[in-house]
Each structure stands twice: as structure tokens, then as C-alpha cells.
Amino acid sequence: MPSLPAGWVAKRCLISGKVQGVWYRAWTIEQAQARALKGWVRNLADGSVEALFAGPQTKVDDMIAACHQGPPAARVVEVGVEDFAGDIPDSFAKRSSS
């Protein structure tokens, strides 16, 4: 994996609660693109949402904080965060559900 630019971080998040069927992925894409982040978001079979956010530390931290609220119909219970060391896409997009 190419190294991240100086000051950048990559975080994998697992968002649980009422986060499917409430436009959470679309909201995440909109919010991540507004922050010029790279990564992806997808639904998981257990009803949670998984996301990867890569970008400047402050913007990633801000995005993770926003994930605790989500779109109006969402009811977020928990946002788990861990460092990510895999491949980073060139943009932010929706991935197929897993």
C-alpha cells in the first residue's frame, strides 16, 4: 500500500443501531465528499454499516463525530473505530453490501 500523505489517517468504522433503510450510506457519501475524504461505505448483513475514511486527521475526526448522529431517521447506538492499513481508493464511494 502506498503511504498516506503527511498528516493523513485512515480509519475503519463500524456503525450500529438503526442505520439501514434510513439513507445512512447516501448521507455518509455526501458528508465524506464534502470533506474531500477518500474511502467507502457499505451495509453489512448484521444490519450495521461499515465505512472507511481516509484524509487529513481533523477531517476524519470530524466525519467520525458526525457518524454518531447520522441522517435524521437514523438512531446510532455505537461507532467503533480502528486504524486501517489496507488499500485506499482514489475517491469516496458506495460498496456492495456484504
PDB file of N, CA and C in Angstrom:
ATOM      1  N   MET A   1       0.846  -1.187   0.000  1.00  0.00           N
ATOM      2  CA  MET A   1       0.000   0.000   0.000  1.00  0.00           C
ATOM      3  C   MET A   1       0.880   1.234   0.000  1.00  0.00           C
ATOM      4  N   PRO A   2       0.583   2.192  -0.870  1.00  0.00           N
ATOM      5  CA  PRO A   2       1.342   3.436  -0.824  1.00  0.00           C
ATOM      6  C   PRO A   2       1.086   4.135   0.505  1.00  0.00           C
ATOM      7  N   SER A   3       2.104   4.824   0.986  1.00  0.00           N
ATOM      8  CA  SER A   3       1.926   5.507   2.269  1.00  0.00           C
ATOM      9  C   SER A   3       0.981   6.690   2.109  1.00  0.00           C
ATOM     10  N   LEU A   4       0.310   7.022   3.197  1.00  0.00           N
ATOM     11  CA  LEU A   4      -0.607   8.159   3.196  1.00  0.00           C
ATOM     12  C   LEU A   4       0.195   9.453   3.214  1.00  0.00           C
ATOM     13  N   PRO A   5      -0.351  10.521   2.644  1.00  0.00           N
ATOM     14  CA  PRO A   5       0.329  11.816   2.730  1.00  0.00           C
ATOM     15  C   PRO A   5       0.520  12.235   4.188  1.00  0.00           C
ATOM     16  N   ALA A   6       1.490  13.072   4.434  1.00  0.00           N
ATOM     17  CA  ALA A   6       1.756  13.564   5.791  1.00  0.00           C
ATOM     18  C   ALA A   6       0.494  14.189   6.375  1.00  0.00           C
ATOM     19  N   GLY A   7       0.191  13.849   7.611  1.00  0.00           N
ATOM     20  CA  GLY A   7      -0.982  14.399   8.287  1.00  0.00           C
ATOM     21  C   GLY A   7      -2.273  13.650   8.010  1.00  0.00           C
ATOM     22  N   TRP A   8      -2.208  12.621   7.169  1.00  0.00           N
ATOM     23  CA  TRP A   8      -3.403  11.839   6.839  1.00  0.00           C
ATOM     24  C   TRP A   8      -3.491  10.604   7.721  1.00  0.00           C
ATOM     25  N   VAL A   9      -4.728  10.168   7.940  1.00  0.00           N
ATOM     26  CA  VAL A   9      -5.004   8.929   8.662  1.00  0.00           C
ATOM     27  C   VAL A   9      -6.058   8.150   7.888  1.00  0.00           C
ATOM     28  N   ALA A  10      -6.163   6.865   8.178  1.00  0.00           N
ATOM     29  CA  ALA A  10      -7.216   6.018   7.600  1.00  0.00           C
ATOM     30  C   ALA A  10      -7.866   5.260   8.748  1.00  0.00           C
ATOM     31  N   LYS A  11      -9.196   5.381   8.849  1.00  0.00           N
ATOM     32  CA  LYS A  11      -9.940   4.748   9.938  1.00  0.00           C
ATOM     33  C   LYS A  11     -11.096   3.937   9.376  1.00  0.00           C
ATOM     34  N   ARG A  12     -11.244   2.711   9.894  1.00  0.00           N
ATOM     35  CA  ARG A  12     -12.389   1.859   9.558  1.00  0.00           C
ATOM     36  C   ARG A  12     -13.384   2.002  10.692  1.00  0.00           C
ATOM     37  N   CYS A  13     -14.639   2.259  10.330  1.00  0.00           N
ATOM     38  CA  CYS A  13     -15.690   2.454  11.331  1.00  0.00           C
ATOM     39  C   CYS A  13     -16.794   1.423  11.142  1.00  0.00           C
ATOM     40  N   LEU A  14     -17.327   0.964  12.255  1.00  0.00           N
ATOM     41  CA  LEU A  14     -18.470   0.060  12.254  1.00  0.00           C
ATOM     42  C   LEU A  14     -19.579   0.768  13.023  1.00  0.00           C
ATOM     43  N   ILE A  15     -20.643   1.130  12.305  1.00  0.00           N
ATOM     44  CA  ILE A  15     -21.735   1.914  12.879  1.00  0.00           C
ATOM     45  C   ILE A  15     -22.925   0.990  13.097  1.00  0.00           C
ATOM     46  N   SER A  16     -23.421   0.934  14.328  1.00  0.00           N
ATOM     47  CA  SER A  16     -24.552   0.059  14.631  1.00  0.00           C
ATOM     48  C   SER A  16     -25.721   0.860  15.186  1.00  0.00           C
ATOM     49  N   GLY A  17     -26.891   0.243  15.120  1.00  0.00           N
ATOM     50  CA  GLY A  17     -28.136   0.882  15.526  1.00  0.00           C
ATOM     51  C   GLY A  17     -29.120   0.786  14.376  1.00  0.00           C
ATOM     52  N   LYS A  18     -30.023   1.754  14.274  1.00  0.00           N
ATOM     53  CA  LYS A  18     -30.944   1.811  13.131  1.00  0.00           C
ATOM     54  C   LYS A  18     -30.241   2.625  12.049  1.00  0.00           C
ATOM     55  N   VAL A  19     -29.431   1.912  11.243  1.00  0.00           N
ATOM     56  CA  VAL A  19     -28.603   2.596  10.253  1.00  0.00           C
ATOM     57  C   VAL A  19     -28.783   2.052   8.831  1.00  0.00           C
ATOM     58  N   GLN A  20     -29.687   1.091   8.647  1.00  0.00           N
ATOM     59  CA  GLN A  20     -30.016   0.630   7.299  1.00  0.00           C
ATOM     60  C   GLN A  20     -31.468   0.983   7.015  1.00  0.00           C
ATOM     61  N   GLY A  21     -31.740   1.346   5.758  1.00  0.00           N
ATOM     62  CA  GLY A  21     -33.089   1.739   5.366  1.00  0.00           C
ATOM     63  C   GLY A  21     -33.437   3.152   5.792  1.00  0.00           C
ATOM     64  N   VAL A  22     -32.423   3.932   6.169  1.00  0.00           N
ATOM     65  CA  VAL A  22     -32.648   5.314   6.623  1.00  0.00           C
ATOM     66  C   VAL A  22     -31.742   6.296   5.878  1.00  0.00           C
ATOM     67  N   TRP A  23     -31.217   5.884   4.715  1.00  0.00           N
ATOM     68  CA  TRP A  23     -30.343   6.721   3.885  1.00  0.00           C
ATOM     69  C   TRP A  23     -28.991   6.996   4.533  1.00  0.00           C
ATOM     70  N   TYR A  24     -28.544   6.113   5.427  1.00  0.00           N
ATOM     71  CA  TYR A  24     -27.257   6.337   6.101  1.00  0.00           C
ATOM     72  C   TYR A  24     -26.090   6.310   5.111  1.00  0.00           C
ATOM     73  N   ARG A  25     -26.093   5.356   4.177  1.00  0.00           N
ATOM     74  CA  ARG A  25     -24.984   5.299   3.208  1.00  0.00           C
ATOM     75  C   ARG A  25     -24.950   6.536   2.331  1.00  0.00           C
ATOM     76  N   ALA A  26     -26.096   6.964   1.813  1.00  0.00           N
ATOM     77  CA  ALA A  26     -26.138   8.154   0.958  1.00  0.00           C
ATOM     78  C   ALA A  26     -25.674   9.385   1.733  1.00  0.00           C
ATOM     79  N   TRP A  27     -26.113   9.504   2.977  1.00  0.00           N
ATOM     80  CA  TRP A  27     -25.697  10.614   3.832  1.00  0.00           C
ATOM     81  C   TRP A  27     -24.187  10.574   4.053  1.00  0.00           C
ATOM     82  N   THR A  28     -23.656   9.370   4.294  1.00  0.00           N
ATOM     83  CA  THR A  28     -22.219   9.219   4.527  1.00  0.00           C
ATOM     84  C   THR A  28     -21.422   9.645   3.302  1.00  0.00           C
ATOM     85  N   ILE A  29     -21.862   9.234   2.124  1.00  0.00           N
ATOM     86  CA  ILE A  29     -21.176   9.623   0.891  1.00  0.00           C
ATOM     87  C   ILE A  29     -21.177  11.141   0.748  1.00  0.00           C
ATOM     88  N   GLU A  30     -22.325  11.756   0.942  1.00  0.00           N
ATOM     89  CA  GLU A  30     -22.438  13.214   0.832  1.00  0.00           C
ATOM     90  C   GLU A  30     -21.507  13.915   1.826  1.00  0.00           C
ATOM     91  N   GLN A  31     -21.526  13.463   3.072  1.00  0.00           N
ATOM     92  CA  GLN A  31     -20.707  14.085   4.115  1.00  0.00           C
ATOM     93  C   GLN A  31     -19.210  13.868   3.867  1.00  0.00           C
ATOM     94  N   ALA A  32     -18.835  12.670   3.450  1.00  0.00           N
ATOM     95  CA  ALA A  32     -17.422  12.375   3.194  1.00  0.00           C
ATOM     96  C   ALA A  32     -16.906  13.165   1.992  1.00  0.00           C
ATOM     97  N   GLN A  33     -17.716  13.253   0.937  1.00  0.00           N
ATOM     98  CA  GLN A  33     -17.292  14.012  -0.235  1.00  0.00           C
ATOM     99  C   GLN A  33     -17.178  15.498   0.084  1.00  0.00           C
ATOM    100  N   ALA A  34     -18.055  16.013   0.931  1.00  0.00           N
ATOM    101  CA  ALA A  34     -17.982  17.424   1.332  1.00  0.00           C
ATOM    102  C   ALA A  34     -16.684  17.712   2.090  1.00  0.00           C
ATOM    103  N   ARG A  35     -16.137  16.700   2.748  1.00  0.00           N
ATOM    104  CA  ARG A  35     -14.881  16.849   3.493  1.00  0.00           C
ATOM    105  C   ARG A  35     -13.673  16.427   2.650  1.00  0.00           C
ATOM    106  N   ALA A  36     -13.908  16.080   1.384  1.00  0.00           N
ATOM    107  CA  ALA A  36     -12.861  15.639   0.451  1.00  0.00           C
ATOM    108  C   ALA A  36     -12.118  14.401   0.961  1.00  0.00           C
ATOM    109  N   LEU A  37     -12.861  13.491   1.607  1.00  0.00           N
ATOM    110  CA  LEU A  37     -12.260  12.261   2.106  1.00  0.00           C
ATOM    111  C   LEU A  37     -12.274  11.183   1.030  1.00  0.00           C
ATOM    112  N   LYS A  38     -11.395  10.225   1.185  1.00  0.00           N
ATOM    113  CA  LYS A  38     -11.380   9.040   0.336  1.00  0.00           C
ATOM    114  C   LYS A  38     -11.868   7.867   1.173  1.00  0.00           C
ATOM    115  N   GLY A  39     -12.390   6.837   0.493  1.00  0.00           N
ATOM    116  CA  GLY A  39     -12.838   5.655   1.214  1.00  0.00           C
ATOM    117  C   GLY A  39     -14.094   5.068   0.626  1.00  0.00           C
ATOM    118  N   TRP A  40     -14.878   4.418   1.477  1.00  0.00           N
ATOM    119  CA  TRP A  40     -16.096   3.744   1.022  1.00  0.00           C
ATOM    120  C   TRP A  40     -17.030   3.506   2.198  1.00  0.00           C
ATOM    121  N   VAL A  41     -18.270   3.123   1.843  1.00  0.00           N
ATOM    122  CA  VAL A  41     -19.284   2.775   2.842  1.00  0.00           C
ATOM    123  C   VAL A  41     -20.107   1.619   2.291  1.00  0.00           C
ATOM    124  N   ARG A  42     -20.534   0.710   3.171  1.00  0.00           N
ATOM    125  CA  ARG A  42     -21.375  -0.407   2.737  1.00  0.00           C
ATOM    126  C   ARG A  42     -22.213  -0.916   3.906  1.00  0.00           C
ATOM    127  N   ASN A  43     -23.353  -1.538   3.548  1.00  0.00           N
ATOM    128  CA  ASN A  43     -24.189  -2.220   4.535  1.00  0.00           C
ATOM    129  C   ASN A  43     -23.602  -3.595   4.813  1.00  0.00           C
ATOM    130  N   LEU A  44     -23.734  -4.045   6.058  1.00  0.00           N
ATOM    131  CA  LEU A  44     -23.334  -5.400   6.421  1.00  0.00           C
ATOM    132  C   LEU A  44     -24.577  -6.237   6.712  1.00  0.00           C
ATOM    133  N   ALA A  45     -24.445  -7.543   6.583  1.00  0.00           N
ATOM    134  CA  ALA A  45     -25.578  -8.458   6.752  1.00  0.00           C
ATOM    135  C   ALA A  45     -26.193  -8.389   8.145  1.00  0.00           C
ATOM    136  N   ASP A  46     -25.432  -7.976   9.149  1.00  0.00           N
ATOM    137  CA  ASP A  46     -25.954  -7.921  10.523  1.00  0.00           C
ATOM    138  C   ASP A  46     -26.743  -6.645  10.825  1.00  0.00           C
ATOM    139  N   GLY A  47     -26.953  -5.791   9.805  1.00  0.00           N
ATOM    140  CA  GLY A  47     -27.730  -4.570   9.994  1.00  0.00           C
ATOM    141  C   GLY A  47     -26.896  -3.346  10.301  1.00  0.00           C
ATOM    142  N   SER A  48     -25.587  -3.518  10.405  1.00  0.00           N
ATOM    143  CA  SER A  48     -24.712  -2.377  10.671  1.00  0.00           C
ATOM    144  C   SER A  48     -24.178  -1.807   9.356  1.00  0.00           C
ATOM    145  N   VAL A  49     -23.441  -0.721   9.466  1.00  0.00           N
ATOM    146  CA  VAL A  49     -22.812  -0.076   8.319  1.00  0.00           C
ATOM    147  C   VAL A  49     -21.314  -0.012   8.593  1.00  0.00           C
ATOM    148  N   GLU A  50     -20.524  -0.341   7.576  1.00  0.00           N
ATOM    149  CA  GLU A  50     -19.068  -0.267   7.676  1.00  0.00           C
ATOM    150  C   GLU A  50     -18.586   0.841   6.758  1.00  0.00           C
ATOM    151  N   ALA A  51     -17.618   1.628   7.222  1.00  0.00           N
ATOM    152  CA  ALA A  51     -17.088   2.711   6.402  1.00  0.00           C
ATOM    153  C   ALA A  51     -15.589   2.842   6.598  1.00  0.00           C
ATOM    154  N   LEU A  52     -14.922   3.305   5.561  1.00  0.00           N
ATOM    155  CA  LEU A  52     -13.505   3.643   5.615  1.00  0.00           C
ATOM    156  C   LEU A  52     -13.380   5.122   5.290  1.00  0.00           C
ATOM    157  N   PHE A  53     -12.711   5.850   6.153  1.00  0.00           N
ATOM    158  CA  PHE A  53     -12.468   7.275   5.930  1.00  0.00           C
ATOM    159  C   PHE A  53     -10.968   7.517   5.921  1.00  0.00           C
ATOM    160  N   ALA A  54     -10.467   8.147   4.860  1.00  0.00           N
ATOM    161  CA  ALA A  54      -9.049   8.486   4.768  1.00  0.00           C
ATOM    162  C   ALA A  54      -8.927   9.943   4.356  1.00  0.00           C
ATOM    163  N   GLY A  55      -8.061  10.659   5.055  1.00  0.00           N
ATOM    164  CA  GLY A  55      -7.854  12.068   4.761  1.00  0.00           C
ATOM    165  C   GLY A  55      -7.113  12.730   5.901  1.00  0.00           C
ATOM    166  N   PRO A  56      -7.071  14.056   5.890  1.00  0.00           N
ATOM    167  CA  PRO A  56      -6.415  14.771   6.980  1.00  0.00           C
ATOM    168  C   PRO A  56      -7.054  14.418   8.325  1.00  0.00           C
ATOM    169  N   GLN A  57      -6.235  14.291   9.348  1.00  0.00           N
ATOM    170  CA  GLN A  57      -6.693  13.874  10.682  1.00  0.00           C
ATOM    171  C   GLN A  57      -7.919  14.647  11.145  1.00  0.00           C
ATOM    172  N   THR A  58      -7.908  15.967  11.018  1.00  0.00           N
ATOM    173  CA  THR A  58      -9.029  16.771  11.531  1.00  0.00           C
ATOM    174  C   THR A  58     -10.322  16.484  10.780  1.00  0.00           C
ATOM    175  N   LYS A  59     -10.235  16.263   9.469  1.00  0.00           N
ATOM    176  CA  LYS A  59     -11.446  15.988   8.691  1.00  0.00           C
ATOM    177  C   LYS A  59     -11.986  14.589   8.974  1.00  0.00           C
ATOM    178  N   VAL A  60     -11.099  13.624   9.159  1.00  0.00           N
ATOM    179  CA  VAL A  60     -11.539  12.268   9.504  1.00  0.00           C
ATOM    180  C   VAL A  60     -12.190  12.278  10.887  1.00  0.00           C
ATOM    181  N   ASP A  61     -11.570  12.965  11.839  1.00  0.00           N
ATOM    182  CA  ASP A  61     -12.154  13.060  13.182  1.00  0.00           C
ATOM    183  C   ASP A  61     -13.533  13.711  13.138  1.00  0.00           C
ATOM    184  N   ASP A  62     -13.678  14.755  12.326  1.00  0.00           N
ATOM    185  CA  ASP A  62     -14.964  15.447  12.190  1.00  0.00           C
ATOM    186  C   ASP A  62     -16.012  14.520  11.576  1.00  0.00           C
ATOM    187  N   MET A  63     -15.617  13.726  10.581  1.00  0.00           N
ATOM    188  CA  MET A  63     -16.546  12.791   9.938  1.00  0.00           C
ATOM    189  C   MET A  63     -16.987  11.722  10.924  1.00  0.00           C
ATOM    190  N   ILE A  64     -16.055  11.199  11.696  1.00  0.00           N
ATOM    191  CA  ILE A  64     -16.406  10.174  12.687  1.00  0.00           C
ATOM    192  C   ILE A  64     -17.373  10.747  13.719  1.00  0.00           C
ATOM    193  N   ALA A  65     -17.136  11.972  14.148  1.00  0.00           N
ATOM    194  CA  ALA A  65     -18.058  12.620  15.095  1.00  0.00           C
ATOM    195  C   ALA A  65     -19.447  12.747  14.481  1.00  0.00           C
ATOM    196  N   ALA A  66     -19.525  13.103  13.192  1.00  0.00           N
ATOM    197  CA  ALA A  66     -20.815  13.238  12.512  1.00  0.00           C
ATOM    198  C   ALA A  66     -21.525  11.890  12.411  1.00  0.00           C
ATOM    199  N   CYS A  67     -20.767  10.802  12.285  1.00  0.00           N
ATOM    200  CA  CYS A  67     -21.361   9.463  12.178  1.00  0.00           C
ATOM    201  C   CYS A  67     -22.145   9.081  13.429  1.00  0.00           C
ATOM    202  N   HIS A  68     -21.811   9.658  14.558  1.00  0.00           N
ATOM    203  CA  HIS A  68     -22.551   9.369  15.795  1.00  0.00           C
ATOM    204  C   HIS A  68     -23.990   9.884  15.711  1.00  0.00           C
ATOM    205  N   GLN A  69     -24.226  10.895  14.877  1.00  0.00           N
ATOM    206  CA  GLN A  69     -25.568  11.452  14.686  1.00  0.00           C
ATOM    207  C   GLN A  69     -26.237  10.826  13.459  1.00  0.00           C
ATOM    208  N   GLY A  70     -25.568  10.903  12.313  1.00  0.00           N
ATOM    209  CA  GLY A  70     -26.124  10.358  11.082  1.00  0.00           C
ATOM    210  C   GLY A  70     -27.271  11.195  10.551  1.00  0.00           C
ATOM    211  N   PRO A  71     -27.979  10.680   9.534  1.00  0.00           N
ATOM    212  CA  PRO A  71     -29.121  11.398   8.969  1.00  0.00           C
ATOM    213  C   PRO A  71     -30.296  11.390   9.949  1.00  0.00           C
ATOM    214  N   PRO A  72     -31.317  12.225   9.691  1.00  0.00           N
ATOM    215  CA  PRO A  72     -32.426  12.382  10.650  1.00  0.00           C
ATOM    216  C   PRO A  72     -33.123  11.093  11.084  1.00  0.00           C
ATOM    217  N   ALA A  73     -33.328  10.131  10.185  1.00  0.00           N
ATOM    218  CA  ALA A  73     -34.072   8.915  10.542  1.00  0.00           C
ATOM    219  C   ALA A  73     -33.212   7.860  11.242  1.00  0.00           C
ATOM    220  N   ALA A  74     -31.900   8.048  11.262  1.00  0.00           N
ATOM    221  CA  ALA A  74     -31.006   7.068  11.886  1.00  0.00           C
ATOM    222  C   ALA A  74     -31.045   7.178  13.405  1.00  0.00           C
ATOM    223  N   ARG A  75     -30.767   6.069  14.051  1.00  0.00           N
ATOM    224  CA  ARG A  75     -30.617   6.018  15.507  1.00  0.00           C
ATOM    225  C   ARG A  75     -29.329   5.248  15.790  1.00  0.00           C
ATOM    226  N   VAL A  76     -28.235   5.977  15.860  1.00  0.00           N
ATOM    227  CA  VAL A  76     -26.929   5.354  16.039  1.00  0.00           C
ATOM    228  C   VAL A  76     -26.743   4.941  17.494  1.00  0.00           C
ATOM    229  N   VAL A  77     -26.354   3.693  17.698  1.00  0.00           N
ATOM    230  CA  VAL A  77     -26.098   3.165  19.036  1.00  0.00           C
ATOM    231  C   VAL A  77     -24.603   3.215  19.347  1.00  0.00           C
ATOM    232  N   GLU A  78     -23.787   2.858  18.360  1.00  0.00           N
ATOM    233  CA  GLU A  78     -22.340   2.803  18.598  1.00  0.00           C
ATOM    234  C   GLU A  78     -21.578   3.039  17.303  1.00  0.00           C
ATOM    235  N   VAL A  79     -20.427   3.686  17.415  1.00  0.00           N
ATOM    236  CA  VAL A  79     -19.500   3.844  16.297  1.00  0.00           C
ATOM    237  C   VAL A  79     -18.145   3.310  16.765  1.00  0.00           C
ATOM    238  N   GLY A  80     -17.795   2.133  16.272  1.00  0.00           N
ATOM    239  CA  GLY A  80     -16.486   1.558  16.584  1.00  0.00           C
ATOM    240  C   GLY A  80     -15.469   2.061  15.578  1.00  0.00           C
ATOM    241  N   VAL A  81     -14.270   2.380  16.039  1.00  0.00           N
ATOM    242  CA  VAL A  81     -13.239   2.952  15.169  1.00  0.00           C
ATOM    243  C   VAL A  81     -11.927   2.197  15.371  1.00  0.00           C
ATOM    244  N   GLU A  82     -11.274   1.884  14.247  1.00  0.00           N
ATOM    245  CA  GLU A  82      -9.945   1.270  14.322  1.00  0.00           C
ATOM    246  C   GLU A  82      -9.090   1.784  13.175  1.00  0.00           C
ATOM    247  N   ASP A  83      -7.777   1.749  13.362  1.00  0.00           N
ATOM    248  CA  ASP A  83      -6.861   2.142  12.298  1.00  0.00           C
ATOM    249  C   ASP A  83      -7.003   1.168  11.134  1.00  0.00           C
ATOM    250  N   PHE A  84      -6.763   1.672   9.923  1.00  0.00           N
ATOM    251  CA  PHE A  84      -6.881   0.858   8.713  1.00  0.00           C
ATOM    252  C   PHE A  84      -5.559   0.920   7.959  1.00  0.00           C
ATOM    253  N   ALA A  85      -5.059  -0.231   7.527  1.00  0.00           N
ATOM    254  CA  ALA A  85      -3.773  -0.273   6.840  1.00  0.00           C
ATOM    255  C   ALA A  85      -3.863  -0.902   5.449  1.00  0.00           C
ATOM    256  N   GLY A  86      -5.063  -0.961   4.882  1.00  0.00           N
ATOM    257  CA  GLY A  86      -5.243  -1.554   3.556  1.00  0.00           C
ATOM    258  C   GLY A  86      -5.186  -0.523   2.443  1.00  0.00           C
ATOM    259  N   ASP A  87      -5.667  -0.919   1.279  1.00  0.00           N
ATOM    260  CA  ASP A  87      -5.677  -0.031   0.116  1.00  0.00           C
ATOM    261  C   ASP A  87      -6.720   1.068   0.282  1.00  0.00           C
ATOM    262  N   ILE A  88      -6.353   2.270  -0.116  1.00  0.00           N
ATOM    263  CA  ILE A  88      -7.235   3.434  -0.051  1.00  0.00           C
ATOM    264  C   ILE A  88      -7.665   3.778  -1.479  1.00  0.00           C
ATOM    265  N   PRO A  89      -8.975   3.856  -1.742  1.00  0.00           N
ATOM    266  CA  PRO A  89      -9.421   4.230  -3.088  1.00  0.00           C
ATOM    267  C   PRO A  89      -9.110   5.697  -3.394  1.00  0.00           C
ATOM    268  N   ASP A  90      -9.244   6.064  -4.662  1.00  0.00           N
ATOM    269  CA  ASP A  90      -8.942   7.431  -5.097  1.00  0.00           C
ATOM    270  C   ASP A  90     -10.074   8.412  -4.838  1.00  0.00           C
ATOM    271  N   SER A  91     -11.237   7.917  -4.418  1.00  0.00           N
ATOM    272  CA  SER A  91     -12.397   8.782  -4.171  1.00  0.00           C
ATOM    273  C   SER A  91     -13.210   8.160  -3.038  1.00  0.00           C
ATOM    274  N   PHE A  92     -14.438   8.642  -2.831  1.00  0.00           N
ATOM    275  CA  PHE A  92     -15.321   8.048  -1.828  1.00  0.00           C
ATOM    276  C   PHE A  92     -16.547   7.500  -2.540  1.00  0.00           C
ATOM    277  N   ALA A  93     -16.903   6.246  -2.256  1.00  0.00           N
ATOM    278  CA  ALA A  93     -17.995   5.604  -2.990  1.00  0.00           C
ATOM    279  C   ALA A  93     -18.727   4.585  -2.128  1.00  0.00           C
ATOM    280  N   LYS A  94     -19.880   4.163  -2.633  1.00  0.00           N
ATOM    281  CA  LYS A  94     -20.655   3.089  -2.007  1.00  0.00           C
ATOM    282  C   LYS A  94     -20.119   1.757  -2.514  1.00  0.00           C
ATOM    283  N   ARG A  95     -19.909   0.823  -1.606  1.00  0.00           N
ATOM    284  CA  ARG A  95     -19.510  -0.537  -1.970  1.00  0.00           C
ATOM    285  C   ARG A  95     -20.716  -1.448  -1.854  1.00  0.00           C
ATOM    286  N   SER A  96     -20.638  -2.586  -2.525  1.00  0.00           N
ATOM    287  CA  SER A  96     -21.709  -3.579  -2.436  1.00  0.00           C
ATOM    288  C   SER A  96     -21.844  -4.062  -1.002  1.00  0.00           C
ATOM    289  N   SER A  97     -23.079  -4.335  -0.616  1.00  0.00           N
ATOM    290  CA  SER A  97     -23.338  -4.861   0.726  1.00  0.00           C
ATOM    291  C   SER A  97     -22.650  -6.204   0.892  1.00  0.00           C
ATOM    292  N   SER A  98     -22.298  -6.513   2.150  1.00  0.00           N
ATOM    293  CA  SER A  98     -21.647  -7.807   2.375  1.00  0.00           C
ATOM    294  C   SER A  98     -22.420  -8.608   3.399  1.00  0.00           C
TER     295      SER A  98
END
